[in-house]
Amino acid sequence: MVGVGSFGASFMQGELSRFARELRILRDGEAILAPLEPNLELSVAGDGKGDVKVKGTARNNFHTGTQPSFRLDLNQAYLPAIAKALADADS
């Protein structure tokens, strides 16, 4: 099933940069985005062979409302560009 949606999220300074650093060195471990305000939480796990699994939860409200969870598979080759975009957004 394919779904489309949007929501807003706020991040404290440094949260996206820290996640970007974890993504840059990810091989067969896990990088986690768990911000102070948990509008978006992500877990990115590498298998050491180039495959990456992303699991996430988006929240439009911390206590009530919708809370969609999602999973997707990526190739590790995409991580440097994703890490750069995250670090650039955390200026």
Protein backbone atom coordinates (compact mmCIF):
# COMPACT_ATOMS: atom_id res chain seq x y z
CA MET A 1 0.00 0.00 0.00
CA VAL A 2 1.30 3.44 -0.92
CA GLY A 3 0.45 6.50 1.12
CA VAL A 4 1.24 10.15 0.80
CA GLY A 5 1.20 12.77 3.52
CA SER A 6 3.05 15.64 5.09
CA PHE A 7 3.72 17.01 8.56
CA GLY A 8 5.99 19.51 10.28
CA ALA A 9 8.89 18.68 12.56
CA SER A 10 11.30 20.67 14.68
CA PHE A 11 14.84 19.65 15.53
CA MET A 12 17.25 21.06 18.08
CA GLN A 13 20.53 22.38 16.74
CA GLY A 14 22.96 19.48 16.30
CA GLU A 15 20.40 16.66 16.11
CA LEU A 16 20.49 16.36 12.32
CA SER A 17 24.28 16.79 12.19
CA ARG A 18 24.77 13.98 14.71
CA PHE A 19 22.51 11.71 12.67
CA ALA A 20 24.41 12.69 9.50
CA ARG A 21 27.72 11.69 11.14
CA GLU A 22 26.26 8.30 12.08
CA LEU A 23 25.02 7.77 8.52
CA ARG A 24 28.45 8.61 7.05
CA ILE A 25 30.14 5.77 8.96
CA LEU A 26 27.27 3.27 8.79
CA ARG A 27 28.30 -0.14 7.48
CA ASP A 28 26.83 -2.98 9.51
CA GLY A 29 25.56 -1.00 12.46
CA GLU A 30 22.68 1.33 13.17
CA ALA A 31 22.16 5.08 12.99
CA ILE A 32 19.29 6.49 15.03
CA LEU A 33 17.50 9.82 14.86
CA ALA A 34 15.68 10.28 18.17
CA PRO A 35 15.17 14.02 18.59
CA LEU A 36 14.12 15.71 21.82
CA GLU A 37 10.77 16.54 20.19
CA PRO A 38 9.90 13.16 18.66
CA ASN A 39 7.93 14.27 15.60
CA LEU A 40 10.11 12.02 13.47
CA GLU A 41 12.12 9.04 14.68
CA LEU A 42 14.30 7.01 12.33
CA SER A 43 16.40 3.89 12.62
CA VAL A 44 18.76 3.12 9.74
CA ALA A 45 20.47 -0.28 9.82
CA GLY A 46 23.20 -1.45 7.45
CA ASP A 47 23.96 -5.10 6.78
CA GLY A 48 27.62 -4.58 5.80
CA LYS A 49 26.87 -5.70 2.22
CA GLY A 50 25.43 -2.44 0.88
CA ASP A 51 21.79 -2.89 1.84
CA VAL A 52 20.18 -0.49 4.31
CA LYS A 53 16.83 -0.79 6.05
CA VAL A 54 15.05 2.32 7.29
CA LYS A 55 12.29 2.22 9.91
CA GLY A 56 10.50 5.35 11.02
CA THR A 57 7.58 6.84 12.87
CA ALA A 58 6.07 10.25 12.21
CA ARG A 59 3.92 12.01 14.78
CA ASN A 60 1.85 15.11 14.23
CA ASN A 61 1.06 15.27 17.93
CA PHE A 62 3.07 13.77 20.79
CA HIS A 63 0.11 12.40 22.72
CA THR A 64 -2.77 11.92 20.28
CA GLY A 65 -3.45 11.84 16.58
CA THR A 66 -2.07 9.81 13.75
CA GLN A 67 1.25 8.06 14.10
CA PRO A 68 2.19 6.38 10.81
CA SER A 69 5.13 4.01 10.78
CA PHE A 70 7.05 3.14 7.67
CA ARG A 71 9.86 0.96 6.36
CA LEU A 72 11.95 1.16 3.25
CA ASP A 73 15.04 -0.41 1.76
CA LEU A 74 17.92 1.60 0.33
CA ASN A 75 21.31 0.99 -1.17
CA GLN A 76 24.16 2.30 0.97
CA ALA A 77 25.35 4.38 -2.01
CA TYR A 78 22.59 6.92 -1.24
CA LEU A 79 23.76 7.61 2.32
CA PRO A 80 26.49 10.19 1.58
CA ALA A 81 24.05 12.49 -0.23
CA ILE A 82 21.44 12.03 2.50
CA ALA A 83 24.04 12.76 5.20
CA LYS A 84 25.19 15.90 3.38
CA ALA A 85 21.63 17.20 3.04
CA LEU A 86 20.98 16.61 6.74
CA ALA A 87 24.21 18.34 7.80
CA ASP A 88 23.48 21.29 5.47
CA ALA A 89 19.99 21.65 6.97
CA ASP A 90 21.46 21.80 10.50
CA SER A 91 23.34 25.07 10.20
